[in-house]
Amino acid sequence: MLPPSPAAPIVLDLTTRARTGDPDALGELYARHARALLALARRLLGSTADAEDVVHDVFLGLPEALRRYEERGSLESWLKRVTARMALNRLRSRRRAREVTLTPPPSVHDATGALDTLDAIDALALQGAIDALPDALRAVLVLKEIEGYSHAEVAALLDITRGASEVRLHRAVAALRQALGAGTP
């Protein structure tokens, strides 16, 4: 049996303190995890402003949510699942409200403000194509291909069947290929 990780007691202490609303513990958890959670929410929602709102809401409700955290698996994985659920709920409510988000495309600039490379242009085109996908296709693509969830996990998060997850991923990839001029498979 492997010895426990030296970081494990620190994380347990942080979660214990954060459960009580300790601002220092919440600040430390934010510093450690906000960037990854923001990236996930941004990919799912296609909007930086909405992603920031979701991450804010995650950390606002974190003390209460941590009371239900069973400390199985890593805290970061659990936080990503919470963030994904909140982002997906926002997508559902946005769909019901027929809300239109007007956000500029993400920028990839170097320190001088100029575009970094041709890769940056390709990254912008890819992000634009992902953002243009319908919500249902974008959610599966982000969760499966970018975040690394299995089709079974994606299906559980989205409340769809595994087969539906596979079909949506196939459609999302086909749409991306078409949008980026790569043809069809």
C-alpha atoms as a PDB file:
ATOM      1  CA  MET A   1       0.000   0.000   0.000  1.00  0.00           C
ATOM      2  CA  LEU A   2       1.309   3.438  -0.927  1.00  0.00           C
ATOM      3  CA  PRO A   3       1.823   6.019   1.810  1.00  0.00           C
ATOM      4  CA  PRO A   4      -0.651   8.908   1.766  1.00  0.00           C
ATOM      5  CA  SER A   5       0.325  11.937  -0.271  1.00  0.00           C
ATOM      6  CA  PRO A   6       1.848  14.767   1.799  1.00  0.00           C
ATOM      7  CA  ALA A   7      -0.661  17.131   0.148  1.00  0.00           C
ATOM      8  CA  ALA A   8      -3.638  15.055   1.353  1.00  0.00           C
ATOM      9  CA  PRO A   9      -3.664  16.425   4.944  1.00  0.00           C
ATOM     10  CA  ILE A  10      -3.388  20.002   3.624  1.00  0.00           C
ATOM     11  CA  VAL A  11      -6.375  19.514   1.296  1.00  0.00           C
ATOM     12  CA  LEU A  12      -8.388  17.878   4.092  1.00  0.00           C
ATOM     13  CA  ASP A  13      -7.581  20.797   6.399  1.00  0.00           C
ATOM     14  CA  LEU A  14      -8.584  23.297   3.698  1.00  0.00           C
ATOM     15  CA  THR A  15     -11.880  21.530   3.024  1.00  0.00           C
ATOM     16  CA  THR A  16     -12.623  21.253   6.750  1.00  0.00           C
ATOM     17  CA  ARG A  17     -11.948  24.961   7.251  1.00  0.00           C
ATOM     18  CA  ALA A  18     -13.809  25.945   4.061  1.00  0.00           C
ATOM     19  CA  ARG A  19     -16.896  24.014   5.238  1.00  0.00           C
ATOM     20  CA  THR A  20     -17.155  26.482   8.109  1.00  0.00           C
ATOM     21  CA  GLY A  21     -16.797  29.450   5.757  1.00  0.00           C
ATOM     22  CA  ASP A  22     -13.195  30.290   6.717  1.00  0.00           C
ATOM     23  CA  PRO A  23     -12.289  33.067   4.212  1.00  0.00           C
ATOM     24  CA  ASP A  24      -8.583  32.142   4.166  1.00  0.00           C
ATOM     25  CA  ALA A  25      -9.367  28.532   3.303  1.00  0.00           C
ATOM     26  CA  LEU A  26     -11.879  29.597   0.636  1.00  0.00           C
ATOM     27  CA  GLY A  27      -9.288  32.003  -0.769  1.00  0.00           C
ATOM     28  CA  GLU A  28      -6.686  29.252  -0.942  1.00  0.00           C
ATOM     29  CA  LEU A  29      -9.110  26.885  -2.668  1.00  0.00           C
ATOM     30  CA  TYR A  30      -9.987  29.671  -5.109  1.00  0.00           C
ATOM     31  CA  ALA A  31      -6.301  30.328  -5.832  1.00  0.00           C
ATOM     32  CA  ARG A  32      -5.697  26.628  -6.450  1.00  0.00           C
ATOM     33  CA  HIS A  33      -8.741  25.765  -8.554  1.00  0.00           C
ATOM     34  CA  ALA A  34     -10.434  28.842 -10.040  1.00  0.00           C
ATOM     35  CA  ARG A  35      -8.373  28.891 -13.237  1.00  0.00           C
ATOM     36  CA  ALA A  36      -9.219  25.294 -14.182  1.00  0.00           C
ATOM     37  CA  LEU A  37     -12.871  25.759 -13.226  1.00  0.00           C
ATOM     38  CA  LEU A  38     -13.104  28.974 -15.230  1.00  0.00           C
ATOM     39  CA  ALA A  39     -11.609  27.245 -18.288  1.00  0.00           C
ATOM     40  CA  LEU A  40     -14.121  24.400 -18.015  1.00  0.00           C
ATOM     41  CA  ALA A  41     -17.087  26.751 -17.591  1.00  0.00           C
ATOM     42  CA  ARG A  42     -15.851  28.955 -20.458  1.00  0.00           C
ATOM     43  CA  ARG A  43     -15.622  25.982 -22.782  1.00  0.00           C
ATOM     44  CA  LEU A  44     -19.071  24.751 -21.844  1.00  0.00           C
ATOM     45  CA  LEU A  45     -20.784  28.128 -21.999  1.00  0.00           C
ATOM     46  CA  GLY A  46     -18.886  29.819 -24.802  1.00  0.00           C
ATOM     47  CA  SER A  47     -18.861  33.045 -22.782  1.00  0.00           C
ATOM     48  CA  THR A  48     -16.243  34.377 -20.399  1.00  0.00           C
ATOM     49  CA  ALA A  49     -18.782  36.515 -18.531  1.00  0.00           C
ATOM     50  CA  ASP A  50     -21.111  33.540 -17.962  1.00  0.00           C
ATOM     51  CA  ALA A  51     -18.150  31.369 -16.955  1.00  0.00           C
ATOM     52  CA  GLU A  52     -17.042  33.947 -14.386  1.00  0.00           C
ATOM     53  CA  ASP A  53     -20.586  34.033 -13.004  1.00  0.00           C
ATOM     54  CA  VAL A  54     -20.636  30.235 -12.668  1.00  0.00           C
ATOM     55  CA  VAL A  55     -17.262  30.084 -10.907  1.00  0.00           C
ATOM     56  CA  HIS A  56     -18.375  32.905  -8.600  1.00  0.00           C
ATOM     57  CA  ASP A  57     -21.529  30.955  -7.781  1.00  0.00           C
ATOM     58  CA  VAL A  58     -19.512  27.765  -7.171  1.00  0.00           C
ATOM     59  CA  PHE A  59     -17.304  29.485  -4.614  1.00  0.00           C
ATOM     60  CA  LEU A  60     -20.187  31.418  -3.088  1.00  0.00           C
ATOM     61  CA  GLY A  61     -21.994  28.154  -2.320  1.00  0.00           C
ATOM     62  CA  LEU A  62     -18.827  26.177  -1.582  1.00  0.00           C
ATOM     63  CA  PRO A  63     -19.100  26.032   2.237  1.00  0.00           C
ATOM     64  CA  GLU A  64     -22.560  24.468   2.002  1.00  0.00           C
ATOM     65  CA  ALA A  65     -21.616  22.212  -0.927  1.00  0.00           C
ATOM     66  CA  LEU A  66     -18.538  20.944   0.907  1.00  0.00           C
ATOM     67  CA  ARG A  67     -20.788  19.659   3.656  1.00  0.00           C
ATOM     68  CA  ARG A  68     -22.069  17.142   1.087  1.00  0.00           C
ATOM     69  CA  TYR A  69     -18.578  16.338  -0.246  1.00  0.00           C
ATOM     70  CA  GLU A  70     -17.741  12.765   0.712  1.00  0.00           C
ATOM     71  CA  GLU A  71     -13.983  13.097   0.108  1.00  0.00           C
ATOM     72  CA  ARG A  72     -13.877  10.253  -2.403  1.00  0.00           C
ATOM     73  CA  GLY A  73     -11.578  11.019  -5.292  1.00  0.00           C
ATOM     74  CA  SER A  74      -9.798  14.312  -5.691  1.00  0.00           C
ATOM     75  CA  LEU A  75     -11.274  17.617  -4.614  1.00  0.00           C
ATOM     76  CA  GLU A  76     -10.434  19.101  -8.023  1.00  0.00           C
ATOM     77  CA  SER A  77     -12.465  16.422  -9.835  1.00  0.00           C
ATOM     78  CA  TRP A  78     -15.397  17.038  -7.503  1.00  0.00           C
ATOM     79  CA  LEU A  79     -15.146  20.812  -8.038  1.00  0.00           C
ATOM     80  CA  LYS A  80     -15.099  20.267 -11.816  1.00  0.00           C
ATOM     81  CA  ARG A  81     -18.259  18.148 -11.604  1.00  0.00           C
ATOM     82  CA  VAL A  82     -19.973  20.839  -9.519  1.00  0.00           C
ATOM     83  CA  THR A  83     -18.854  23.522 -11.987  1.00  0.00           C
ATOM     84  CA  ALA A  84     -19.972  21.465 -14.994  1.00  0.00           C
ATOM     85  CA  ARG A  85     -23.406  20.917 -13.450  1.00  0.00           C
ATOM     86  CA  MET A  86     -23.804  24.624 -12.706  1.00  0.00           C
ATOM     87  CA  ALA A  87     -22.674  25.568 -16.223  1.00  0.00           C
ATOM     88  CA  LEU A  88     -25.056  23.030 -17.771  1.00  0.00           C
ATOM     89  CA  ASN A  89     -27.898  24.403 -15.641  1.00  0.00           C
ATOM     90  CA  ARG A  90     -27.065  27.875 -16.923  1.00  0.00           C
ATOM     91  CA  LEU A  91     -27.154  26.543 -20.496  1.00  0.00           C
ATOM     92  CA  ARG A  92     -30.587  25.048 -19.856  1.00  0.00           C
ATOM     93  CA  SER A  93     -31.947  28.253 -18.378  1.00  0.00           C
ATOM     94  CA  ARG A  94     -30.375  30.277 -21.196  1.00  0.00           C
ATOM     95  CA  ARG A  95     -32.111  28.018 -23.693  1.00  0.00           C
ATOM     96  CA  ARG A  96     -35.427  28.592 -21.933  1.00  0.00           C
ATOM     97  CA  ALA A  97     -34.892  32.357 -21.854  1.00  0.00           C
ATOM     98  CA  ARG A  98     -33.630  32.468 -25.457  1.00  0.00           C
ATOM     99  CA  GLU A  99     -30.819  34.669 -24.249  1.00  0.00           C
ATOM    100  CA  VAL A 100     -28.269  35.940 -26.758  1.00  0.00           C
ATOM    101  CA  THR A 101     -24.771  36.535 -25.433  1.00  0.00           C
ATOM    102  CA  LEU A 102     -22.684  39.110 -27.248  1.00  0.00           C
ATOM    103  CA  THR A 103     -19.062  38.451 -26.341  1.00  0.00           C
ATOM    104  CA  PRO A 104     -15.964  39.157 -28.350  1.00  0.00           C
ATOM    105  CA  PRO A 105     -13.851  36.185 -29.368  1.00  0.00           C
ATOM    106  CA  PRO A 106     -11.070  35.248 -26.944  1.00  0.00           C
ATOM    107  CA  SER A 107      -7.739  36.838 -27.742  1.00  0.00           C
ATOM    108  CA  VAL A 108      -4.358  35.193 -27.848  1.00  0.00           C
ATOM    109  CA  HIS A 109      -1.728  37.914 -27.722  1.00  0.00           C
ATOM    110  CA  ASP A 110       1.887  38.036 -26.689  1.00  0.00           C
ATOM    111  CA  ALA A 111       3.345  40.601 -24.254  1.00  0.00           C
ATOM    112  CA  THR A 112       3.494  43.269 -26.992  1.00  0.00           C
ATOM    113  CA  GLY A 113      -0.172  42.838 -27.847  1.00  0.00           C
ATOM    114  CA  ALA A 114       0.493  41.266 -31.242  1.00  0.00           C
ATOM    115  CA  LEU A 115      -0.904  37.873 -32.168  1.00  0.00           C
ATOM    116  CA  ASP A 116       1.557  35.306 -30.862  1.00  0.00           C
ATOM    117  CA  THR A 117       1.806  32.959 -33.890  1.00  0.00           C
ATOM    118  CA  LEU A 118      -0.139  31.246 -36.607  1.00  0.00           C
ATOM    119  CA  ASP A 119      -1.015  28.675 -33.920  1.00  0.00           C
ATOM    120  CA  ALA A 120      -2.797  31.433 -32.017  1.00  0.00           C
ATOM    121  CA  ILE A 121      -4.905  32.186 -35.075  1.00  0.00           C
ATOM    122  CA  ASP A 122      -5.695  28.484 -35.406  1.00  0.00           C
ATOM    123  CA  ALA A 123      -6.589  28.353 -31.704  1.00  0.00           C
ATOM    124  CA  LEU A 124      -8.916  31.328 -32.131  1.00  0.00           C
ATOM    125  CA  ALA A 125     -10.580  29.689 -35.125  1.00  0.00           C
ATOM    126  CA  LEU A 126     -11.009  26.449 -33.199  1.00  0.00           C
ATOM    127  CA  GLN A 127     -12.413  28.230 -30.149  1.00  0.00           C
ATOM    128  CA  GLY A 128     -14.779  30.188 -32.379  1.00  0.00           C
ATOM    129  CA  ALA A 129     -15.945  26.978 -34.042  1.00  0.00           C
ATOM    130  CA  ILE A 130     -16.468  25.310 -30.653  1.00  0.00           C
ATOM    131  CA  ASP A 131     -18.391  28.347 -29.387  1.00  0.00           C
ATOM    132  CA  ALA A 132     -20.618  28.224 -32.488  1.00  0.00           C
ATOM    133  CA  LEU A 133     -21.670  24.622 -31.814  1.00  0.00           C
ATOM    134  CA  PRO A 134     -25.173  24.082 -30.456  1.00  0.00           C
ATOM    135  CA  ASP A 135     -25.111  23.835 -26.645  1.00  0.00           C
ATOM    136  CA  ALA A 136     -25.828  20.088 -26.592  1.00  0.00           C
ATOM    137  CA  LEU A 137     -22.953  19.275 -28.965  1.00  0.00           C
ATOM    138  CA  ARG A 138     -20.522  21.711 -27.316  1.00  0.00           C
ATOM    139  CA  ALA A 139     -21.219  20.268 -23.862  1.00  0.00           C
ATOM    140  CA  VAL A 140     -20.427  16.704 -24.950  1.00  0.00           C
ATOM    141  CA  LEU A 141     -17.320  17.766 -26.890  1.00  0.00           C
ATOM    142  CA  VAL A 142     -15.913  19.772 -23.980  1.00  0.00           C
ATOM    143  CA  LEU A 143     -16.670  17.174 -21.320  1.00  0.00           C
ATOM    144  CA  LYS A 144     -15.417  14.193 -23.349  1.00  0.00           C
ATOM    145  CA  GLU A 145     -12.510  15.502 -25.418  1.00  0.00           C
ATOM    146  CA  ILE A 146     -11.221  18.436 -23.404  1.00  0.00           C
ATOM    147  CA  GLU A 147     -12.024  17.464 -19.818  1.00  0.00           C
ATOM    148  CA  GLY A 148     -11.505  13.728 -20.352  1.00  0.00           C
ATOM    149  CA  TYR A 149     -14.780  12.378 -18.959  1.00  0.00           C
ATOM    150  CA  SER A 150     -15.932   8.986 -20.216  1.00  0.00           C
ATOM    151  CA  HIS A 151     -19.103   8.713 -22.286  1.00  0.00           C
ATOM    152  CA  ALA A 152     -20.810   7.172 -19.239  1.00  0.00           C
ATOM    153  CA  GLU A 153     -19.824  10.161 -17.076  1.00  0.00           C
ATOM    154  CA  VAL A 154     -20.897  12.635 -19.763  1.00  0.00           C
ATOM    155  CA  ALA A 155     -24.222  10.845 -20.074  1.00  0.00           C
ATOM    156  CA  ALA A 156     -24.766  11.036 -16.318  1.00  0.00           C
ATOM    157  CA  LEU A 157     -23.872  14.745 -16.168  1.00  0.00           C
ATOM    158  CA  LEU A 158     -26.137  15.625 -19.086  1.00  0.00           C
ATOM    159  CA  ASP A 159     -28.906  13.182 -18.192  1.00  0.00           C
ATOM    160  CA  ILE A 160     -28.713  11.454 -21.584  1.00  0.00           C
ATOM    161  CA  THR A 161     -27.825   7.926 -22.672  1.00  0.00           C
ATOM    162  CA  ARG A 162     -24.286   6.846 -23.416  1.00  0.00           C
ATOM    163  CA  GLY A 163     -25.319   6.317 -27.035  1.00  0.00           C
ATOM    164  CA  ALA A 164     -26.630   9.881 -27.240  1.00  0.00           C
ATOM    165  CA  SER A 165     -23.295  11.115 -25.892  1.00  0.00           C
ATOM    166  CA  GLU A 166     -21.439   9.191 -28.595  1.00  0.00           C
ATOM    167  CA  VAL A 167     -23.724  10.482 -31.351  1.00  0.00           C
ATOM    168  CA  ARG A 168     -23.444  14.079 -30.147  1.00  0.00           C
ATOM    169  CA  LEU A 169     -19.658  13.825 -30.028  1.00  0.00           C
ATOM    170  CA  HIS A 170     -19.583  12.480 -33.592  1.00  0.00           C
ATOM    171  CA  ARG A 171     -21.850  15.340 -34.755  1.00  0.00           C
ATOM    172  CA  ALA A 172     -19.764  17.925 -32.896  1.00  0.00           C
ATOM    173  CA  VAL A 173     -16.529  16.705 -34.489  1.00  0.00           C
ATOM    174  CA  ALA A 174     -18.152  16.656 -37.934  1.00  0.00           C
ATOM    175  CA  ALA A 175     -19.435  20.217 -37.418  1.00  0.00           C
ATOM    176  CA  LEU A 176     -15.985  21.381 -36.311  1.00  0.00           C
ATOM    177  CA  ARG A 177     -14.363  19.798 -39.350  1.00  0.00           C
ATOM    178  CA  GLN A 178     -16.838  21.504 -41.617  1.00  0.00           C
ATOM    179  CA  ALA A 179     -16.461  24.871 -39.872  1.00  0.00           C
ATOM    180  CA  LEU A 180     -12.671  24.677 -40.045  1.00  0.00           C
ATOM    181  CA  GLY A 181     -12.648  23.521 -43.667  1.00  0.00           C
ATOM    182  CA  ALA A 182     -11.215  20.099 -42.886  1.00  0.00           C
ATOM    183  CA  GLY A 183     -13.966  18.225 -44.733  1.00  0.00           C
ATOM    184  CA  THR A 184     -15.805  15.255 -43.333  1.00  0.00           C
ATOM    185  CA  PRO A 185     -14.370  12.031 -41.896  1.00  0.00           C
END
